[in-house]
Amino acid sequence: MVKLSSLLLALCAFVFAAAPTLAASEPAAVAEKFYAGYVAQVDSNKDTKAWVAGSKLVTDKFKKAYAKAMSADEIDADPILKAQDIPTKPFKAEKPVIADDKATVVLVAAYGEEKHKVKARLVKIDDAWLLDAVE
């Protein structure tokens, strides 16, 4: 009886410990986590190119496209925020649209009372959702 309760307790601990990992693997959670980190970098005037290049939440294609956009002679708007300013309220993901190994997540932030939306496209690679493009 003691062994069974110990086994059940260990199983429950494993399930609860794995829950954050499972949630973080969802497309909406990945998109929100990336955007929160990116906005923090921009807000702190840190090197966003290095941060994106080192991110494990985006594909190599995304990293290359971002580096190319940031090396342009003239940048009208941040290629990830799709705006010139930092939002006053964080990006929150709407329900993702998932089709096989691709997902689309609309993220909504605010600049004061004005809502701002970006569309993130994600792909599933090796059981992990990664940002692949932003529209």
C-alpha atoms as a PDB file:
ATOM      1  CA  MET A   1       0.000   0.000   0.000  1.00  0.00           C
ATOM      2  CA  VAL A   2       2.842   2.379   0.860  1.00  0.00           C
ATOM      3  CA  LYS A   3       4.589   1.640  -2.441  1.00  0.00           C
ATOM      4  CA  LEU A   4       1.401   2.324  -4.418  1.00  0.00           C
ATOM      5  CA  SER A   5       0.836   5.699  -2.727  1.00  0.00           C
ATOM      6  CA  SER A   6       4.497   6.617  -3.261  1.00  0.00           C
ATOM      7  CA  LEU A   7       4.212   5.666  -6.920  1.00  0.00           C
ATOM      8  CA  LEU A   8       1.017   7.686  -7.291  1.00  0.00           C
ATOM      9  CA  LEU A   9       2.660  10.683  -5.601  1.00  0.00           C
ATOM     10  CA  ALA A  10       5.684  10.427  -7.913  1.00  0.00           C
ATOM     11  CA  LEU A  11       3.415  10.197 -10.962  1.00  0.00           C
ATOM     12  CA  CYS A  12       1.469  13.292  -9.875  1.00  0.00           C
ATOM     13  CA  ALA A  13       4.710  15.202  -9.303  1.00  0.00           C
ATOM     14  CA  PHE A  14       5.922  14.247 -12.783  1.00  0.00           C
ATOM     15  CA  VAL A  15       2.662  15.320 -14.432  1.00  0.00           C
ATOM     16  CA  PHE A  16       2.648  18.702 -12.673  1.00  0.00           C
ATOM     17  CA  ALA A  17       6.341  19.262 -13.390  1.00  0.00           C
ATOM     18  CA  ALA A  18       5.773  18.528 -17.085  1.00  0.00           C
ATOM     19  CA  ALA A  19       2.716  20.805 -17.365  1.00  0.00           C
ATOM     20  CA  PRO A  20       4.678  24.061 -17.887  1.00  0.00           C
ATOM     21  CA  THR A  21       6.736  22.357 -20.598  1.00  0.00           C
ATOM     22  CA  LEU A  22       3.594  21.177 -22.365  1.00  0.00           C
ATOM     23  CA  ALA A  23       2.019  24.632 -22.161  1.00  0.00           C
ATOM     24  CA  ALA A  24       5.176  26.310 -23.442  1.00  0.00           C
ATOM     25  CA  SER A  25       5.120  24.057 -26.488  1.00  0.00           C
ATOM     26  CA  GLU A  26       1.782  25.492 -27.667  1.00  0.00           C
ATOM     27  CA  PRO A  27       1.970  28.037 -30.519  1.00  0.00           C
ATOM     28  CA  ALA A  28       0.223  30.840 -28.589  1.00  0.00           C
ATOM     29  CA  ALA A  29       2.527  30.433 -25.574  1.00  0.00           C
ATOM     30  CA  VAL A  30       5.634  30.417 -27.777  1.00  0.00           C
ATOM     31  CA  ALA A  31       4.518  33.559 -29.616  1.00  0.00           C
ATOM     32  CA  GLU A  32       3.694  35.410 -26.374  1.00  0.00           C
ATOM     33  CA  LYS A  33       6.991  34.386 -24.778  1.00  0.00           C
ATOM     34  CA  PHE A  34       8.980  35.550 -27.799  1.00  0.00           C
ATOM     35  CA  TYR A  35       7.159  38.876 -28.014  1.00  0.00           C
ATOM     36  CA  ALA A  36       7.517  39.539 -24.265  1.00  0.00           C
ATOM     37  CA  GLY A  37      11.258  38.941 -24.496  1.00  0.00           C
ATOM     38  CA  TYR A  38      11.645  40.987 -27.658  1.00  0.00           C
ATOM     39  CA  VAL A  39       9.716  43.973 -26.278  1.00  0.00           C
ATOM     40  CA  ALA A  40      11.867  43.850 -23.136  1.00  0.00           C
ATOM     41  CA  GLN A  41      14.999  43.998 -25.311  1.00  0.00           C
ATOM     42  CA  VAL A  42      13.685  46.935 -27.328  1.00  0.00           C
ATOM     43  CA  ASP A  43      12.508  48.737 -24.200  1.00  0.00           C
ATOM     44  CA  SER A  44      15.980  48.350 -22.618  1.00  0.00           C
ATOM     45  CA  ASN A  45      17.735  49.550 -25.792  1.00  0.00           C
ATOM     46  CA  LYS A  46      19.586  46.241 -26.020  1.00  0.00           C
ATOM     47  CA  ASP A  47      20.930  44.583 -29.161  1.00  0.00           C
ATOM     48  CA  THR A  48      17.837  42.973 -30.636  1.00  0.00           C
ATOM     49  CA  LYS A  49      19.826  41.492 -33.530  1.00  0.00           C
ATOM     50  CA  ALA A  50      21.926  39.427 -31.133  1.00  0.00           C
ATOM     51  CA  TRP A  51      18.873  38.496 -29.063  1.00  0.00           C
ATOM     52  CA  VAL A  52      16.895  37.248 -32.084  1.00  0.00           C
ATOM     53  CA  ALA A  53      19.964  35.453 -33.468  1.00  0.00           C
ATOM     54  CA  GLY A  54      20.308  33.573 -30.167  1.00  0.00           C
ATOM     55  CA  SER A  55      16.617  32.858 -29.669  1.00  0.00           C
ATOM     56  CA  LYS A  56      15.507  29.232 -29.503  1.00  0.00           C
ATOM     57  CA  LEU A  57      11.910  30.307 -30.227  1.00  0.00           C
ATOM     58  CA  VAL A  58      12.428  31.147 -33.911  1.00  0.00           C
ATOM     59  CA  THR A  59      13.512  29.313 -37.056  1.00  0.00           C
ATOM     60  CA  ASP A  60      16.748  29.954 -38.937  1.00  0.00           C
ATOM     61  CA  LYS A  61      14.613  31.426 -41.718  1.00  0.00           C
ATOM     62  CA  PHE A  62      13.145  33.937 -39.253  1.00  0.00           C
ATOM     63  CA  LYS A  63      16.628  34.863 -37.974  1.00  0.00           C
ATOM     64  CA  LYS A  64      17.905  35.476 -41.514  1.00  0.00           C
ATOM     65  CA  ALA A  65      14.861  37.551 -42.506  1.00  0.00           C
ATOM     66  CA  TYR A  66      15.181  39.658 -39.346  1.00  0.00           C
ATOM     67  CA  ALA A  67      18.909  40.248 -39.871  1.00  0.00           C
ATOM     68  CA  LYS A  68      18.246  41.283 -43.481  1.00  0.00           C
ATOM     69  CA  ALA A  69      15.437  43.652 -42.465  1.00  0.00           C
ATOM     70  CA  MET A  70      17.567  45.252 -39.751  1.00  0.00           C
ATOM     71  CA  SER A  71      20.516  45.759 -42.109  1.00  0.00           C
ATOM     72  CA  ALA A  72      18.435  47.812 -44.557  1.00  0.00           C
ATOM     73  CA  ASP A  73      19.506  51.405 -45.135  1.00  0.00           C
ATOM     74  CA  GLU A  74      16.162  52.701 -43.920  1.00  0.00           C
ATOM     75  CA  ILE A  75      13.756  51.043 -41.491  1.00  0.00           C
ATOM     76  CA  ASP A  76      10.289  52.590 -41.308  1.00  0.00           C
ATOM     77  CA  ALA A  77       8.997  50.283 -38.577  1.00  0.00           C
ATOM     78  CA  ASP A  78      10.300  47.512 -36.372  1.00  0.00           C
ATOM     79  CA  PRO A  79       9.977  44.314 -38.454  1.00  0.00           C
ATOM     80  CA  ILE A  80       8.704  42.284 -35.492  1.00  0.00           C
ATOM     81  CA  LEU A  81       6.508  44.833 -33.752  1.00  0.00           C
ATOM     82  CA  LYS A  82       5.232  46.124 -37.108  1.00  0.00           C
ATOM     83  CA  ALA A  83       5.249  49.557 -35.497  1.00  0.00           C
ATOM     84  CA  GLN A  84       7.615  52.386 -34.610  1.00  0.00           C
ATOM     85  CA  ASP A  85       6.818  52.471 -30.898  1.00  0.00           C
ATOM     86  CA  ILE A  86       6.806  49.962 -28.055  1.00  0.00           C
ATOM     87  CA  PRO A  87       3.284  48.926 -27.033  1.00  0.00           C
ATOM     88  CA  THR A  88       1.984  50.192 -23.707  1.00  0.00           C
ATOM     89  CA  LYS A  89       0.280  46.856 -23.014  1.00  0.00           C
ATOM     90  CA  PRO A  90       1.867  43.453 -23.730  1.00  0.00           C
ATOM     91  CA  PHE A  91       1.061  41.266 -26.702  1.00  0.00           C
ATOM     92  CA  LYS A  92      -1.583  38.659 -25.917  1.00  0.00           C
ATOM     93  CA  ALA A  93      -2.282  35.755 -28.239  1.00  0.00           C
ATOM     94  CA  GLU A  94      -5.690  34.969 -29.603  1.00  0.00           C
ATOM     95  CA  LYS A  95      -6.655  31.337 -30.199  1.00  0.00           C
ATOM     96  CA  PRO A  96      -4.221  29.826 -32.718  1.00  0.00           C
ATOM     97  CA  VAL A  97      -5.280  28.272 -35.985  1.00  0.00           C
ATOM     98  CA  ILE A  98      -3.379  24.999 -36.296  1.00  0.00           C
ATOM     99  CA  ALA A  99      -3.114  22.846 -39.418  1.00  0.00           C
ATOM    100  CA  ASP A 100      -0.738  19.908 -39.086  1.00  0.00           C
ATOM    101  CA  ASP A 101       2.734  21.359 -38.444  1.00  0.00           C
ATOM    102  CA  LYS A 102       1.809  24.995 -39.147  1.00  0.00           C
ATOM    103  CA  ALA A 103       0.044  27.528 -36.951  1.00  0.00           C
ATOM    104  CA  THR A 104      -1.069  31.122 -37.174  1.00  0.00           C
ATOM    105  CA  VAL A 105      -1.388  33.234 -34.056  1.00  0.00           C
ATOM    106  CA  VAL A 106      -2.765  36.767 -33.965  1.00  0.00           C
ATOM    107  CA  LEU A 107      -1.146  38.781 -31.188  1.00  0.00           C
ATOM    108  CA  VAL A 108      -2.854  41.897 -29.880  1.00  0.00           C
ATOM    109  CA  ALA A 109      -1.134  44.715 -28.005  1.00  0.00           C
ATOM    110  CA  ALA A 110      -2.183  48.261 -27.256  1.00  0.00           C
ATOM    111  CA  TYR A 111      -0.768  51.712 -27.713  1.00  0.00           C
ATOM    112  CA  GLY A 112      -2.861  53.587 -25.193  1.00  0.00           C
ATOM    113  CA  GLU A 113      -6.446  52.796 -26.161  1.00  0.00           C
ATOM    114  CA  GLU A 114      -5.558  51.803 -29.729  1.00  0.00           C
ATOM    115  CA  LYS A 115      -5.279  48.051 -30.425  1.00  0.00           C
ATOM    116  CA  HIS A 116      -2.423  46.784 -32.568  1.00  0.00           C
ATOM    117  CA  LYS A 117      -2.348  43.317 -34.151  1.00  0.00           C
ATOM    118  CA  VAL A 118       0.426  41.260 -35.688  1.00  0.00           C
ATOM    119  CA  LYS A 119       0.084  37.841 -37.239  1.00  0.00           C
ATOM    120  CA  ALA A 120       2.747  35.295 -36.331  1.00  0.00           C
ATOM    121  CA  ARG A 121       3.274  32.175 -38.389  1.00  0.00           C
ATOM    122  CA  LEU A 122       4.798  29.205 -36.604  1.00  0.00           C
ATOM    123  CA  VAL A 123       6.035  25.811 -37.710  1.00  0.00           C
ATOM    124  CA  LYS A 124       6.479  22.667 -35.675  1.00  0.00           C
ATOM    125  CA  ILE A 125       9.995  21.272 -35.905  1.00  0.00           C
ATOM    126  CA  ASP A 126      11.074  18.297 -33.784  1.00  0.00           C
ATOM    127  CA  ASP A 127       7.926  18.628 -31.611  1.00  0.00           C
ATOM    128  CA  ALA A 128       8.627  22.305 -30.873  1.00  0.00           C
ATOM    129  CA  TRP A 129       6.663  25.288 -32.198  1.00  0.00           C
ATOM    130  CA  LEU A 130       8.919  28.032 -33.601  1.00  0.00           C
ATOM    131  CA  LEU A 131       8.125  31.450 -35.040  1.00  0.00           C
ATOM    132  CA  ASP A 132       8.798  31.397 -38.754  1.00  0.00           C
ATOM    133  CA  ALA A 133       7.387  34.724 -39.988  1.00  0.00           C
ATOM    134  CA  VAL A 134       5.532  37.833 -38.853  1.00  0.00           C
ATOM    135  CA  GLU A 135       2.983  39.756 -40.874  1.00  0.00           C
END
